[in-house]
Amino acid sequence: MKAVLRALLFFTLYGIGSSVSFAADTASLPRGYEKWPKSRARIITDKNSLFYGIHYIYVENNTLKTYRNGGAYPQGSRFVVENFAIRDGGGKPVEGKKSMIVMMRKDRKQQATGGWLFAGFTPEGKPAGIDPRQNCFECHQKDTGATDLVISKFADFR
């Protein structure tokens, strides 16, 4: 459960205030995101890290050019991240059960969160009831002002 909470805090990408027109419980995962280009596994074994776990980033095709070259993302750009628990594979971290899914979508209506909609979901794709402003946006804003609030880098993707 601690791993799930850590993942939620990190990805809750991975915040939305009262002035935002989006409620986290009304967001839905994009259909077919599993067919989008997928990153290699990112493994964080530090149990004290908000990044703890194994995760994969899915980037929609029309988002890849900006992801690769940098700059401001066009409206509608989408990222989905699946996070998995780590289990021991004989001294080597191995992917365990899916612990959560998060999404961010470029949406100019989301002024309180830098023009991005953030949402978290259970492993089954149901809304996770997170506070996207506090759990997502605040970290994204702190670490990624120059990258249009996107934490990962294309170099990490390959």
N, C-alpha and C. Protein backbone atom coordinates (compact mmCIF):
# COMPACT_ATOMS: atom_id res chain seq x y z
N MET A 1 0.82 -1.19 0.00
CA MET A 1 0.00 0.00 0.00
C MET A 1 0.86 1.26 0.00
N LYS A 2 2.02 1.21 0.74
CA LYS A 2 2.92 2.37 0.75
C LYS A 2 3.42 2.68 -0.64
N ALA A 3 3.73 1.64 -1.42
CA ALA A 3 4.22 1.85 -2.78
C ALA A 3 3.16 2.54 -3.63
N VAL A 4 1.90 2.15 -3.46
CA VAL A 4 0.82 2.77 -4.21
C VAL A 4 0.69 4.25 -3.83
N LEU A 5 0.78 4.52 -2.53
CA LEU A 5 0.68 5.92 -2.10
C LEU A 5 1.85 6.75 -2.61
N ARG A 6 3.05 6.17 -2.57
CA ARG A 6 4.20 6.89 -3.11
C ARG A 6 4.01 7.17 -4.59
N ALA A 7 3.55 6.16 -5.31
CA ALA A 7 3.33 6.33 -6.75
C ALA A 7 2.28 7.41 -7.00
N LEU A 8 1.21 7.38 -6.21
CA LEU A 8 0.18 8.41 -6.36
C LEU A 8 0.76 9.80 -6.14
N LEU A 9 1.57 9.94 -5.11
CA LEU A 9 2.16 11.25 -4.85
C LEU A 9 3.08 11.69 -5.97
N PHE A 10 3.85 10.76 -6.52
CA PHE A 10 4.76 11.13 -7.61
C PHE A 10 4.01 11.45 -8.89
N PHE A 11 3.23 10.50 -9.34
CA PHE A 11 2.63 10.65 -10.65
C PHE A 11 1.45 11.56 -10.67
N THR A 12 0.86 11.64 -9.60
CA THR A 12 -0.31 12.45 -9.52
C THR A 12 0.15 13.74 -10.06
N LEU A 13 1.02 12.90 -11.45
CA LEU A 13 1.55 13.43 -12.68
C LEU A 13 0.50 14.36 -13.15
N TYR A 14 1.70 12.41 -12.88
CA TYR A 14 1.67 12.17 -12.85
C TYR A 14 0.55 12.73 -12.27
N GLY A 15 -2.70 18.05 -9.84
CA GLY A 15 -3.46 18.87 -9.19
C GLY A 15 -4.50 19.73 -9.84
N ILE A 16 -5.77 19.81 -9.30
CA ILE A 16 -6.63 20.76 -9.97
C ILE A 16 -7.43 21.54 -8.92
N GLY A 17 -7.41 22.90 -8.99
CA GLY A 17 -8.08 23.74 -8.01
C GLY A 17 -9.53 24.00 -8.35
N SER A 18 -10.19 24.75 -7.51
CA SER A 18 -11.61 25.00 -7.68
C SER A 18 -11.90 25.85 -8.91
N SER A 19 -10.93 26.58 -9.42
CA SER A 19 -11.17 27.41 -10.60
C SER A 19 -11.01 26.63 -11.90
N VAL A 20 -10.68 25.36 -11.80
CA VAL A 20 -10.48 24.54 -12.98
C VAL A 20 -11.79 23.86 -13.34
N SER A 21 -12.05 23.76 -14.64
CA SER A 21 -13.33 23.23 -15.08
C SER A 21 -13.37 21.71 -15.12
N PHE A 22 -12.31 21.04 -14.70
CA PHE A 22 -12.24 19.59 -14.76
C PHE A 22 -12.27 18.98 -13.37
N ALA A 23 -13.05 17.95 -13.19
CA ALA A 23 -13.03 17.20 -11.94
C ALA A 23 -12.40 15.86 -12.23
N ALA A 24 -11.46 15.44 -11.37
CA ALA A 24 -10.70 14.21 -11.61
C ALA A 24 -11.60 13.01 -11.84
N ASP A 25 -12.76 12.98 -11.19
CA ASP A 25 -13.61 11.82 -11.34
C ASP A 25 -14.35 11.78 -12.67
N THR A 26 -14.20 12.81 -13.52
CA THR A 26 -14.85 12.79 -14.82
C THR A 26 -13.87 12.48 -15.95
N ALA A 27 -12.58 12.39 -15.63
CA ALA A 27 -11.58 12.06 -16.65
C ALA A 27 -11.65 10.58 -16.97
N SER A 28 -11.24 10.25 -18.17
CA SER A 28 -11.17 8.84 -18.52
C SER A 28 -9.88 8.59 -19.30
N LEU A 29 -9.41 7.37 -19.21
CA LEU A 29 -8.20 7.01 -19.93
C LEU A 29 -8.49 6.97 -21.43
N PRO A 30 -7.54 7.39 -22.23
CA PRO A 30 -7.75 7.31 -23.69
C PRO A 30 -7.82 5.85 -24.13
N ARG A 31 -8.76 5.55 -24.95
CA ARG A 31 -8.88 4.20 -25.50
C ARG A 31 -7.68 3.89 -26.38
N GLY A 32 -7.14 2.70 -26.22
CA GLY A 32 -6.06 2.26 -27.08
C GLY A 32 -4.69 2.84 -26.77
N TYR A 33 -4.55 3.50 -25.62
CA TYR A 33 -3.24 4.10 -25.31
C TYR A 33 -2.13 3.05 -25.29
N GLU A 34 -2.49 1.80 -25.00
CA GLU A 34 -1.49 0.72 -24.94
C GLU A 34 -0.82 0.49 -26.29
N LYS A 35 -1.40 1.01 -27.36
CA LYS A 35 -0.82 0.87 -28.71
C LYS A 35 0.07 2.05 -29.08
N TRP A 36 0.12 3.08 -28.23
CA TRP A 36 0.98 4.24 -28.48
C TRP A 36 2.43 3.81 -28.28
N PRO A 37 3.39 4.59 -28.81
CA PRO A 37 4.79 4.31 -28.52
C PRO A 37 5.02 4.25 -27.01
N LYS A 38 5.78 3.25 -26.58
CA LYS A 38 5.98 2.95 -25.16
C LYS A 38 7.45 3.03 -24.80
N SER A 39 7.74 3.63 -23.66
CA SER A 39 9.12 3.75 -23.19
C SER A 39 9.65 2.41 -22.72
N ARG A 40 10.96 2.38 -22.55
CA ARG A 40 11.55 1.24 -21.88
C ARG A 40 11.17 1.35 -20.41
N ALA A 41 11.36 0.31 -19.65
CA ALA A 41 11.04 0.33 -18.23
C ALA A 41 11.93 1.32 -17.49
N ARG A 42 11.34 2.11 -16.66
CA ARG A 42 12.09 2.99 -15.75
C ARG A 42 11.94 2.37 -14.37
N ILE A 43 13.06 2.02 -13.77
CA ILE A 43 13.04 1.30 -12.50
C ILE A 43 13.67 2.18 -11.42
N ILE A 44 12.89 2.45 -10.38
CA ILE A 44 13.37 3.21 -9.24
C ILE A 44 13.24 2.30 -8.02
N THR A 45 14.39 1.90 -7.46
CA THR A 45 14.39 0.94 -6.35
C THR A 45 14.48 1.59 -4.98
N ASP A 46 14.66 2.90 -4.92
CA ASP A 46 14.73 3.61 -3.64
C ASP A 46 13.32 3.71 -3.06
N LYS A 47 13.07 2.97 -1.98
CA LYS A 47 11.74 2.93 -1.39
C LYS A 47 11.31 4.26 -0.79
N ASN A 48 12.25 5.16 -0.58
CA ASN A 48 11.92 6.49 -0.06
C ASN A 48 11.59 7.48 -1.17
N SER A 49 11.76 7.08 -2.40
CA SER A 49 11.50 7.95 -3.54
C SER A 49 10.04 7.91 -3.94
N LEU A 50 9.53 9.05 -4.33
CA LEU A 50 8.18 9.09 -4.89
C LEU A 50 8.12 8.34 -6.22
N PHE A 51 9.28 8.10 -6.82
CA PHE A 51 9.37 7.42 -8.10
C PHE A 51 9.49 5.90 -7.95
N TYR A 52 9.42 5.39 -6.72
CA TYR A 52 9.61 3.96 -6.47
C TYR A 52 8.66 3.12 -7.33
N GLY A 53 9.24 2.12 -8.00
CA GLY A 53 8.45 1.20 -8.81
C GLY A 53 9.02 1.07 -10.21
N ILE A 54 8.30 0.36 -11.03
CA ILE A 54 8.66 0.19 -12.44
C ILE A 54 7.54 0.84 -13.23
N HIS A 55 7.91 1.75 -14.11
CA HIS A 55 6.85 2.39 -14.89
C HIS A 55 7.22 2.53 -16.35
N TYR A 56 6.17 2.64 -17.14
CA TYR A 56 6.27 2.79 -18.59
C TYR A 56 5.48 4.03 -18.97
N ILE A 57 6.03 4.79 -19.91
CA ILE A 57 5.38 6.00 -20.39
C ILE A 57 4.87 5.73 -21.81
N TYR A 58 3.62 6.04 -22.04
CA TYR A 58 3.02 5.95 -23.37
C TYR A 58 2.83 7.38 -23.87
N VAL A 59 3.29 7.65 -25.09
CA VAL A 59 3.19 8.98 -25.66
C VAL A 59 2.39 8.89 -26.96
N GLU A 60 1.34 9.68 -27.03
CA GLU A 60 0.51 9.68 -28.24
C GLU A 60 1.35 10.12 -29.44
N ASN A 61 1.07 9.55 -30.59
CA ASN A 61 1.88 9.84 -31.79
C ASN A 61 2.01 11.32 -32.09
N ASN A 62 0.92 12.09 -31.98
CA ASN A 62 1.00 13.52 -32.32
C ASN A 62 1.74 14.33 -31.26
N THR A 63 2.16 13.69 -30.17
CA THR A 63 2.91 14.34 -29.11
C THR A 63 4.40 14.07 -29.24
N LEU A 64 4.76 13.03 -29.97
CA LEU A 64 6.15 12.59 -30.05
C LEU A 64 7.11 13.65 -30.60
N LYS A 65 6.71 14.41 -31.60
CA LYS A 65 7.62 15.39 -32.21
C LYS A 65 8.08 16.41 -31.17
N THR A 66 7.15 16.95 -30.40
CA THR A 66 7.51 17.92 -29.37
C THR A 66 8.30 17.23 -28.26
N TYR A 67 7.91 16.03 -27.91
CA TYR A 67 8.62 15.28 -26.87
C TYR A 67 10.09 15.09 -27.28
N ARG A 68 10.30 14.80 -28.54
CA ARG A 68 11.65 14.57 -29.06
C ARG A 68 12.44 15.87 -29.17
N ASN A 69 11.82 16.92 -29.69
CA ASN A 69 12.53 18.16 -30.03
C ASN A 69 12.41 19.28 -29.01
N GLY A 70 11.48 19.16 -28.06
CA GLY A 70 11.28 20.21 -27.06
C GLY A 70 10.30 21.26 -27.52
N GLY A 71 10.00 22.21 -26.65
CA GLY A 71 9.07 23.29 -26.96
C GLY A 71 7.74 23.09 -26.26
N ALA A 72 6.80 23.97 -26.59
CA ALA A 72 5.46 23.90 -26.00
C ALA A 72 4.65 22.82 -26.72
N TYR A 73 3.94 22.04 -25.95
CA TYR A 73 3.13 20.96 -26.51
C TYR A 73 1.83 21.52 -27.09
N PRO A 74 1.38 20.96 -28.22
CA PRO A 74 0.11 21.41 -28.79
C PRO A 74 -1.08 20.94 -27.95
N GLN A 75 -2.18 21.65 -28.07
CA GLN A 75 -3.40 21.26 -27.38
C GLN A 75 -3.72 19.79 -27.68
N GLY A 76 -4.17 19.09 -26.66
CA GLY A 76 -4.55 17.70 -26.83
C GLY A 76 -3.42 16.71 -26.65
N SER A 77 -2.18 17.17 -26.53
CA SER A 77 -1.05 16.25 -26.33
C SER A 77 -1.33 15.39 -25.10
N ARG A 78 -1.00 14.09 -25.20
CA ARG A 78 -1.31 13.19 -24.09
C ARG A 78 -0.16 12.24 -23.76
N PHE A 79 -0.04 12.00 -22.46
CA PHE A 79 0.89 11.03 -21.90
C PHE A 79 0.09 10.15 -20.94
N VAL A 80 0.40 8.88 -20.92
CA VAL A 80 -0.17 7.95 -19.93
C VAL A 80 1.00 7.19 -19.34
N VAL A 81 0.99 7.02 -18.02
CA VAL A 81 2.05 6.28 -17.34
C VAL A 81 1.41 5.15 -16.54
N GLU A 82 1.93 3.95 -16.74
CA GLU A 82 1.51 2.80 -15.94
C GLU A 82 2.63 2.51 -14.94
N ASN A 83 2.26 2.37 -13.67
CA ASN A 83 3.23 2.09 -12.62
C ASN A 83 2.97 0.70 -12.05
N PHE A 84 4.06 -0.03 -11.83
CA PHE A 84 3.98 -1.39 -11.29
C PHE A 84 4.81 -1.48 -10.02
N ALA A 85 4.35 -2.33 -9.11
CA ALA A 85 5.13 -2.62 -7.91
C ALA A 85 6.38 -3.38 -8.33
N ILE A 86 7.36 -3.38 -7.45
CA ILE A 86 8.58 -4.15 -7.68
C ILE A 86 8.52 -5.41 -6.83
N ARG A 87 8.84 -6.52 -7.43
CA ARG A 87 8.98 -7.76 -6.66
C ARG A 87 10.38 -8.29 -6.91
N ASP A 88 10.85 -9.12 -6.00
CA ASP A 88 12.20 -9.65 -6.09
C ASP A 88 12.24 -10.78 -7.11
N GLY A 89 13.15 -10.65 -8.04
CA GLY A 89 13.35 -11.68 -9.06
C GLY A 89 14.73 -12.28 -8.92
N GLY A 90 15.03 -12.80 -7.71
CA GLY A 90 16.35 -13.37 -7.48
C GLY A 90 17.43 -12.31 -7.40
N GLY A 91 17.17 -11.26 -6.63
CA GLY A 91 18.14 -10.18 -6.47
C GLY A 91 18.03 -9.10 -7.52
N LYS A 92 17.11 -9.25 -8.43
CA LYS A 92 16.91 -8.29 -9.52
C LYS A 92 15.46 -7.80 -9.46
N PRO A 93 15.23 -6.48 -9.59
CA PRO A 93 13.84 -6.00 -9.55
C PRO A 93 13.05 -6.50 -10.77
N VAL A 94 11.87 -7.02 -10.47
CA VAL A 94 11.00 -7.56 -11.51
C VAL A 94 9.62 -6.90 -11.37
N GLU A 95 8.98 -6.68 -12.49
CA GLU A 95 7.67 -6.06 -12.51
C GLU A 95 6.66 -6.91 -11.75
N GLY A 96 5.99 -6.28 -10.78
CA GLY A 96 4.92 -6.93 -10.03
C GLY A 96 3.57 -6.49 -10.58
N LYS A 97 2.60 -6.41 -9.69
CA LYS A 97 1.24 -6.01 -10.08
C LYS A 97 1.20 -4.53 -10.43
N LYS A 98 0.33 -4.20 -11.36
CA LYS A 98 0.11 -2.79 -11.71
C LYS A 98 -0.45 -2.09 -10.48
N SER A 99 0.12 -0.94 -10.13
CA SER A 99 -0.33 -0.23 -8.94
C SER A 99 -1.17 1.00 -9.25
N MET A 100 -0.95 1.61 -10.40
CA MET A 100 -1.76 2.77 -10.77
C MET A 100 -1.48 3.19 -12.21
N ILE A 101 -2.33 4.06 -12.71
CA ILE A 101 -2.18 4.65 -14.04
C ILE A 101 -2.42 6.15 -13.88
N VAL A 102 -1.62 6.95 -14.55
CA VAL A 102 -1.84 8.40 -14.53
C VAL A 102 -1.83 8.93 -15.96
N MET A 103 -2.47 10.07 -16.13
CA MET A 103 -2.55 10.68 -17.45
C MET A 103 -2.36 12.18 -17.30
N MET A 104 -1.73 12.77 -18.31
CA MET A 104 -1.74 14.23 -18.42
C MET A 104 -2.08 14.58 -19.86
N ARG A 105 -2.95 15.57 -20.02
CA ARG A 105 -3.39 16.00 -21.34
C ARG A 105 -3.34 17.52 -21.40
N LYS A 106 -2.74 18.04 -22.45
CA LYS A 106 -2.66 19.49 -22.64
C LYS A 106 -4.06 20.03 -22.88
N ASP A 107 -4.49 20.97 -22.02
CA ASP A 107 -5.85 21.49 -22.09
C ASP A 107 -5.84 22.93 -21.58
N ARG A 108 -5.97 23.89 -22.49
CA ARG A 108 -5.86 25.31 -22.13
C ARG A 108 -6.88 25.74 -21.08
N LYS A 109 -7.96 25.00 -20.91
CA LYS A 109 -8.97 25.33 -19.90
C LYS A 109 -8.44 25.11 -18.48
N GLN A 110 -7.40 24.36 -18.34
CA GLN A 110 -6.85 24.00 -17.03
C GLN A 110 -5.81 25.02 -16.57
N GLN A 111 -6.22 26.26 -16.45
CA GLN A 111 -5.29 27.35 -16.11
C GLN A 111 -4.64 27.16 -14.74
N ALA A 112 -5.35 26.63 -13.78
CA ALA A 112 -4.80 26.45 -12.43
C ALA A 112 -3.70 25.40 -12.39
N THR A 113 -3.60 24.60 -13.44
CA THR A 113 -2.57 23.57 -13.48
C THR A 113 -1.70 23.72 -14.72
N GLY A 114 -1.41 24.95 -15.08
CA GLY A 114 -0.46 25.22 -16.15
C GLY A 114 -0.90 24.80 -17.53
N GLY A 115 -2.20 24.66 -17.73
CA GLY A 115 -2.70 24.26 -19.06
C GLY A 115 -2.66 22.77 -19.29
N TRP A 116 -2.53 21.98 -18.23
CA TRP A 116 -2.55 20.52 -18.33
C TRP A 116 -3.63 19.95 -17.42
N LEU A 117 -4.31 18.93 -17.91
CA LEU A 117 -5.25 18.16 -17.12
C LEU A 117 -4.47 16.96 -16.58
N PHE A 118 -4.51 16.73 -15.28
CA PHE A 118 -3.85 15.60 -14.65
C PHE A 118 -4.92 14.71 -14.04
N ALA A 119 -4.76 13.40 -14.17
CA ALA A 119 -5.72 12.47 -13.57
C ALA A 119 -5.03 11.17 -13.19
N GLY A 120 -5.48 10.59 -12.09
CA GLY A 120 -4.95 9.31 -11.63
C GLY A 120 -6.04 8.26 -11.65
N PHE A 121 -5.65 7.03 -11.90
CA PHE A 121 -6.60 5.93 -12.02
C PHE A 121 -6.08 4.70 -11.28
N THR A 122 -7.01 3.86 -10.87
CA THR A 122 -6.65 2.58 -10.27
C THR A 122 -6.10 1.68 -11.36
N PRO A 123 -5.51 0.53 -10.99
CA PRO A 123 -5.02 -0.40 -12.02
C PRO A 123 -6.11 -0.85 -12.99
N GLU A 124 -7.37 -0.78 -12.55
CA GLU A 124 -8.49 -1.17 -13.42
C GLU A 124 -8.99 -0.02 -14.29
N GLY A 125 -8.39 1.16 -14.16
CA GLY A 125 -8.79 2.30 -14.98
C GLY A 125 -9.89 3.15 -14.40
N LYS A 126 -10.24 2.95 -13.14
CA LYS A 126 -11.26 3.76 -12.47
C LYS A 126 -10.59 4.99 -11.85
N PRO A 127 -11.30 6.12 -11.76
CA PRO A 127 -10.71 7.31 -11.14
C PRO A 127 -10.20 7.00 -9.73
N ALA A 128 -9.01 7.51 -9.40
CA ALA A 128 -8.39 7.21 -8.12
C ALA A 128 -8.74 8.21 -7.03
N GLY A 129 -9.41 9.31 -7.37
CA GLY A 129 -9.82 10.28 -6.37
C GLY A 129 -8.67 11.11 -5.81
N ILE A 130 -7.68 11.37 -6.62
CA ILE A 130 -6.54 12.17 -6.17
C ILE A 130 -6.83 13.65 -6.37
N ASP A 131 -6.04 14.49 -5.74
CA ASP A 131 -6.10 15.93 -5.94
C ASP A 131 -5.02 16.29 -6.97
N PRO A 132 -5.38 16.44 -8.22
CA PRO A 132 -4.38 16.68 -9.26
C PRO A 132 -3.55 17.94 -9.04
N ARG A 133 -4.13 18.95 -8.42
CA ARG A 133 -3.34 20.17 -8.19
C ARG A 133 -2.24 19.92 -7.18
N GLN A 134 -2.61 19.35 -6.04
CA GLN A 134 -1.64 19.12 -4.97
C GLN A 134 -0.72 17.95 -5.29
N ASN A 135 -1.25 16.87 -5.82
CA ASN A 135 -0.46 15.66 -6.02
C ASN A 135 0.30 15.61 -7.33
N CYS A 136 -0.11 16.36 -8.33
CA CYS A 136 0.54 16.30 -9.64
C CYS A 136 1.21 17.63 -9.99
N PHE A 137 0.39 18.63 -10.15
CA PHE A 137 0.85 19.91 -10.67
C PHE A 137 1.98 20.52 -9.86
N GLU A 138 1.88 20.46 -8.54
CA GLU A 138 2.91 21.11 -7.72
C GLU A 138 4.29 20.53 -8.00
N CYS A 139 4.40 19.21 -8.16
CA CYS A 139 5.70 18.60 -8.49
C CYS A 139 6.12 18.94 -9.91
N HIS A 140 5.18 18.86 -10.84
CA HIS A 140 5.50 19.19 -12.23
C HIS A 140 5.97 20.63 -12.36
N GLN A 141 5.32 21.52 -11.67
CA GLN A 141 5.68 22.94 -11.73
C GLN A 141 7.06 23.17 -11.14
N LYS A 142 7.36 22.51 -10.07
CA LYS A 142 8.64 22.69 -9.37
C LYS A 142 9.81 22.20 -10.21
N ASP A 143 9.63 21.12 -10.91
CA ASP A 143 10.75 20.46 -11.59
C ASP A 143 10.84 20.69 -13.10
N THR A 144 9.82 21.27 -13.73
CA THR A 144 9.80 21.21 -15.19
C THR A 144 9.33 22.46 -15.90
N GLY A 145 9.55 23.62 -15.34
CA GLY A 145 9.09 24.84 -15.98
C GLY A 145 9.56 25.01 -17.40
N ALA A 146 10.79 24.60 -17.69
CA ALA A 146 11.36 24.78 -19.02
C ALA A 146 10.93 23.70 -20.01
N THR A 147 10.23 22.67 -19.55
CA THR A 147 9.84 21.58 -20.44
C THR A 147 8.32 21.46 -20.55
N ASP A 148 7.62 22.58 -20.39
CA ASP A 148 6.16 22.61 -20.50
C ASP A 148 5.52 21.60 -19.55
N LEU A 149 6.10 21.48 -18.35
CA LEU A 149 5.60 20.65 -17.24
C LEU A 149 5.73 19.15 -17.45
N VAL A 150 6.44 18.71 -18.47
CA VAL A 150 6.64 17.28 -18.69
C VAL A 150 7.92 16.85 -17.96
N ILE A 151 7.80 15.87 -17.08
CA ILE A 151 8.93 15.43 -16.25
C ILE A 151 9.92 14.58 -17.03
N SER A 152 9.43 13.61 -17.78
CA SER A 152 10.33 12.69 -18.47
C SER A 152 10.98 13.36 -19.68
N LYS A 153 12.03 12.75 -20.16
CA LYS A 153 12.76 13.24 -21.34
C LYS A 153 12.73 12.17 -22.42
N PHE A 154 12.80 12.60 -23.66
CA PHE A 154 12.79 11.63 -24.76
C PHE A 154 13.95 10.64 -24.63
N ALA A 155 15.09 11.10 -24.14
CA ALA A 155 16.25 10.21 -23.97
C ALA A 155 15.91 9.07 -23.01
N ASP A 156 15.04 9.33 -22.02
CA ASP A 156 14.60 8.28 -21.10
C ASP A 156 13.63 7.32 -21.77
N PHE A 157 13.02 7.77 -22.82
CA PHE A 157 11.97 7.01 -23.50
C PHE A 157 12.54 5.84 -24.28
N ARG A 158 13.65 6.07 -24.96
CA ARG A 158 14.23 5.05 -25.83
C ARG A 158 14.86 3.92 -25.08
